[in-house]
C-alpha atoms as a PDB file:
ATOM      1  CA  GLN A   1       0.090  -0.129   0.029  1.00  0.00           C
ATOM      2  CA  VAL A   2       1.544   3.366  -1.079  1.00  0.00           C
ATOM      3  CA  GLN A   3       1.029   6.130   1.358  1.00  0.00           C
ATOM      4  CA  LEU A   4       1.711   9.711   0.283  1.00  0.00           C
ATOM      5  CA  VAL A   5       2.152  12.433   2.799  1.00  0.00           C
ATOM      6  CA  GLU A   6       2.064  16.055   1.890  1.00  0.00           C
ATOM      7  CA  SER A   7       3.394  18.825   4.639  1.00  0.00           C
ATOM      8  CA  GLY A   8       4.554  22.341   4.640  1.00  0.00           C
ATOM      9  CA  GLY A   9       1.443  24.722   3.977  1.00  0.00           C
ATOM     10  CA  GLY A  10       0.519  27.305   5.685  1.00  0.00           C
ATOM     11  CA  LEU A  11      -0.637  31.005   5.626  1.00  0.00           C
ATOM     12  CA  VAL A  12       1.737  33.014   3.527  1.00  0.00           C
ATOM     13  CA  GLN A  13       1.495  36.889   2.465  1.00  0.00           C
ATOM     14  CA  ALA A  14       1.682  37.434  -1.497  1.00  0.00           C
ATOM     15  CA  GLY A  15       5.265  37.859  -2.952  1.00  0.00           C
ATOM     16  CA  GLY A  16       6.371  35.265  -0.073  1.00  0.00           C
ATOM     17  CA  SER A  17       7.765  31.333  -0.399  1.00  0.00           C
ATOM     18  CA  LEU A  18       6.662  28.116   0.754  1.00  0.00           C
ATOM     19  CA  ARG A  19       8.161  24.721   0.650  1.00  0.00           C
ATOM     20  CA  LEU A  20       5.954  21.530   0.303  1.00  0.00           C
ATOM     21  CA  SER A  21       7.152  18.045   0.595  1.00  0.00           C
ATOM     22  CA  CYS A  22       5.660  14.952   0.075  1.00  0.00           C
ATOM     23  CA  ALA A  23       6.923  11.895   1.722  1.00  0.00           C
ATOM     24  CA  ALA A  24       6.148   8.439   0.138  1.00  0.00           C
ATOM     25  CA  SER A  25       6.156   5.126   2.231  1.00  0.00           C
ATOM     26  CA  GLY A  26       8.498   3.379   0.304  1.00  0.00           C
ATOM     27  CA  SER A  27      11.151   4.021  -2.401  1.00  0.00           C
ATOM     28  CA  ILE A  28      10.011   6.541  -5.209  1.00  0.00           C
ATOM     29  CA  PHE A  29      12.316   4.865  -7.673  1.00  0.00           C
ATOM     30  CA  SER A  30       9.281   2.860  -8.680  1.00  0.00           C
ATOM     31  CA  PHE A  31       7.180   5.528  -9.596  1.00  0.00           C
ATOM     32  CA  SER A  32       7.228   6.617 -13.250  1.00  0.00           C
ATOM     33  CA  THR A  33       6.150  10.081 -12.327  1.00  0.00           C
ATOM     34  CA  MET A  34       5.460  12.306  -9.051  1.00  0.00           C
ATOM     35  CA  GLY A  35       3.960  15.484  -9.109  1.00  0.00           C
ATOM     36  CA  TRP A  36       1.736  18.268  -7.716  1.00  0.00           C
ATOM     37  CA  TYR A  37      -1.813  19.194  -8.351  1.00  0.00           C
ATOM     38  CA  ARG A  38      -4.002  21.728  -6.564  1.00  0.00           C
ATOM     39  CA  GLN A  39      -7.279  22.596  -5.852  1.00  0.00           C
ATOM     40  CA  ALA A  40      -9.200  25.894  -5.080  1.00  0.00           C
ATOM     41  CA  PRO A  41     -12.307  26.157  -3.727  1.00  0.00           C
ATOM     42  CA  GLY A  42     -15.269  25.918  -6.532  1.00  0.00           C
ATOM     43  CA  LYS A  43     -12.471  24.855  -8.840  1.00  0.00           C
ATOM     44  CA  GLN A  44     -11.451  21.580 -10.232  1.00  0.00           C
ATOM     45  CA  ARG A  45      -8.186  20.189  -9.579  1.00  0.00           C
ATOM     46  CA  GLU A  46      -5.339  21.502 -11.854  1.00  0.00           C
ATOM     47  CA  PHE A  47      -1.600  20.250 -12.505  1.00  0.00           C
ATOM     48  CA  VAL A  48       1.000  22.338 -11.499  1.00  0.00           C
ATOM     49  CA  ALA A  49       4.390  20.261 -11.934  1.00  0.00           C
ATOM     50  CA  ARG A  50       5.713  16.757 -12.283  1.00  0.00           C
ATOM     51  CA  MET A  51       8.848  15.071 -12.324  1.00  0.00           C
ATOM     52  CA  SER A  52       9.778  12.180 -14.195  1.00  0.00           C
ATOM     53  CA  SER A  53      12.009   9.158 -13.041  1.00  0.00           C
ATOM     54  CA  GLY A  54      14.508  10.511 -15.199  1.00  0.00           C
ATOM     55  CA  GLY A  55      14.558  13.769 -13.652  1.00  0.00           C
ATOM     56  CA  SER A  56      12.596  15.441 -16.724  1.00  0.00           C
ATOM     57  CA  THR A  57      10.197  18.424 -15.440  1.00  0.00           C
ATOM     58  CA  THR A  58       6.952  19.785 -16.687  1.00  0.00           C
ATOM     59  CA  TYR A  59       5.085  23.137 -15.070  1.00  0.00           C
ATOM     60  CA  ALA A  60       2.018  24.425 -15.427  1.00  0.00           C
ATOM     61  CA  ASP A  61       2.074  27.860 -17.572  1.00  0.00           C
ATOM     62  CA  VAL A  62       0.859  29.643 -14.351  1.00  0.00           C
ATOM     63  CA  VAL A  63       3.714  28.363 -12.019  1.00  0.00           C
ATOM     64  CA  LYS A  64       6.536  28.271 -14.430  1.00  0.00           C
ATOM     65  CA  GLY A  65       9.281  30.593 -13.189  1.00  0.00           C
ATOM     66  CA  ARG A  66       7.876  30.557  -9.709  1.00  0.00           C
ATOM     67  CA  PHE A  67       7.802  27.097  -8.659  1.00  0.00           C
ATOM     68  CA  THR A  68      10.089  24.572  -8.971  1.00  0.00           C
ATOM     69  CA  ILE A  69       9.830  20.595  -8.191  1.00  0.00           C
ATOM     70  CA  SER A  70      12.647  18.497  -6.725  1.00  0.00           C
ATOM     71  CA  ARG A  71      12.906  15.236  -5.515  1.00  0.00           C
ATOM     72  CA  ASP A  72      15.347  13.502  -2.638  1.00  0.00           C
ATOM     73  CA  ASN A  73      15.653   9.902  -3.756  1.00  0.00           C
ATOM     74  CA  ALA A  74      17.460   8.994  -0.276  1.00  0.00           C
ATOM     75  CA  LYS A  75      14.573  10.529   1.848  1.00  0.00           C
ATOM     76  CA  ASN A  76      11.694   9.076  -0.849  1.00  0.00           C
ATOM     77  CA  THR A  77      10.579  12.933  -0.664  1.00  0.00           C
ATOM     78  CA  VAL A  78       9.547  15.218  -3.775  1.00  0.00           C
ATOM     79  CA  ALA A  79       9.134  19.019  -2.850  1.00  0.00           C
ATOM     80  CA  LEU A  80       7.834  21.801  -4.581  1.00  0.00           C
ATOM     81  CA  HIS A  81       9.450  25.219  -3.980  1.00  0.00           C
ATOM     82  CA  MET A  82       7.102  28.147  -4.405  1.00  0.00           C
ATOM     83  CA  ASN A  83       8.304  31.397  -4.689  1.00  0.00           C
ATOM     84  CA  SER A  84       6.572  34.919  -5.459  1.00  0.00           C
ATOM     85  CA  LEU A  85       2.933  33.606  -4.400  1.00  0.00           C
ATOM     86  CA  LYS A  86       0.090  35.007  -5.611  1.00  0.00           C
ATOM     87  CA  PRO A  87      -3.602  34.876  -3.588  1.00  0.00           C
ATOM     88  CA  GLU A  88      -4.574  33.209  -7.156  1.00  0.00           C
ATOM     89  CA  ASP A  89      -1.968  30.105  -5.926  1.00  0.00           C
ATOM     90  CA  THR A  90      -4.618  29.680  -2.648  1.00  0.00           C
ATOM     91  CA  ALA A  91      -5.578  25.859  -3.015  1.00  0.00           C
ATOM     92  CA  VAL A  92      -5.323  22.590  -1.174  1.00  0.00           C
ATOM     93  CA  TYR A  93      -2.268  21.307  -3.161  1.00  0.00           C
ATOM     94  CA  TYR A  94      -1.881  17.452  -3.412  1.00  0.00           C
ATOM     95  CA  CYS A  95       1.131  14.995  -4.185  1.00  0.00           C
ATOM     96  CA  LYS A  96       0.530  12.313  -6.965  1.00  0.00           C
ATOM     97  CA  ALA A  97       2.935   9.169  -7.640  1.00  0.00           C
ATOM     98  CA  VAL A  98       2.303   6.986 -10.708  1.00  0.00           C
ATOM     99  CA  ARG A  99       3.556   3.203 -11.080  1.00  0.00           C
ATOM    100  CA  ALA A 100       2.455   1.581 -14.169  1.00  0.00           C
ATOM    101  CA  ILE A 101      -1.296   2.293 -14.682  1.00  0.00           C
ATOM    102  CA  GLN A 102      -1.959   3.200 -10.592  1.00  0.00           C
ATOM    103  CA  ALA A 103      -2.155   6.582  -9.400  1.00  0.00           C
ATOM    104  CA  TYR A 104      -1.925   7.604  -6.004  1.00  0.00           C
ATOM    105  CA  TRP A 105      -3.066  10.504  -3.840  1.00  0.00           C
ATOM    106  CA  GLY A 106      -1.686  12.245  -0.823  1.00  0.00           C
ATOM    107  CA  GLN A 107      -4.387  13.976   1.322  1.00  0.00           C
ATOM    108  CA  GLY A 108      -3.512  17.308   0.547  1.00  0.00           C
ATOM    109  CA  THR A 109      -1.922  20.237   2.108  1.00  0.00           C
ATOM    110  CA  GLN A 110      -3.387  23.788   2.506  1.00  0.00           C
ATOM    111  CA  VAL A 111      -1.669  26.957   1.176  1.00  0.00           C
ATOM    112  CA  THR A 112      -3.320  30.176   1.639  1.00  0.00           C
ATOM    113  CA  VAL A 113      -1.818  33.219   0.255  1.00  0.00           C
ATOM    114  CA  SER A 114      -2.881  36.702   1.333  1.00  0.00           C
ATOM    115  CA  SER A 115      -2.746  39.899   0.008  1.00  0.00           C
END
């Protein structure tokens, strides 16, 4: 059973930074991709960033240049470094991991950006 646990969310002022972390219950080597999604109130969940097992990264246009995804294989974690945060970045952020055809999700962590 794969478990993903997010942490690092909180309240920050516009222009500030936060670092989210996603800890996997086992080795992250088995995941073809790991990434982050977010869901704002009243909106659908949307893609934020992903990293393949080979290290290639993809970002949503709205976060490109502000967010960076990284991984620590030794600690089985994937992080999302968020800079220059905007009020519209306010959402619950979810970690996602994909192994073969199976996708796993964490419970989410709240990020609130005040203006």
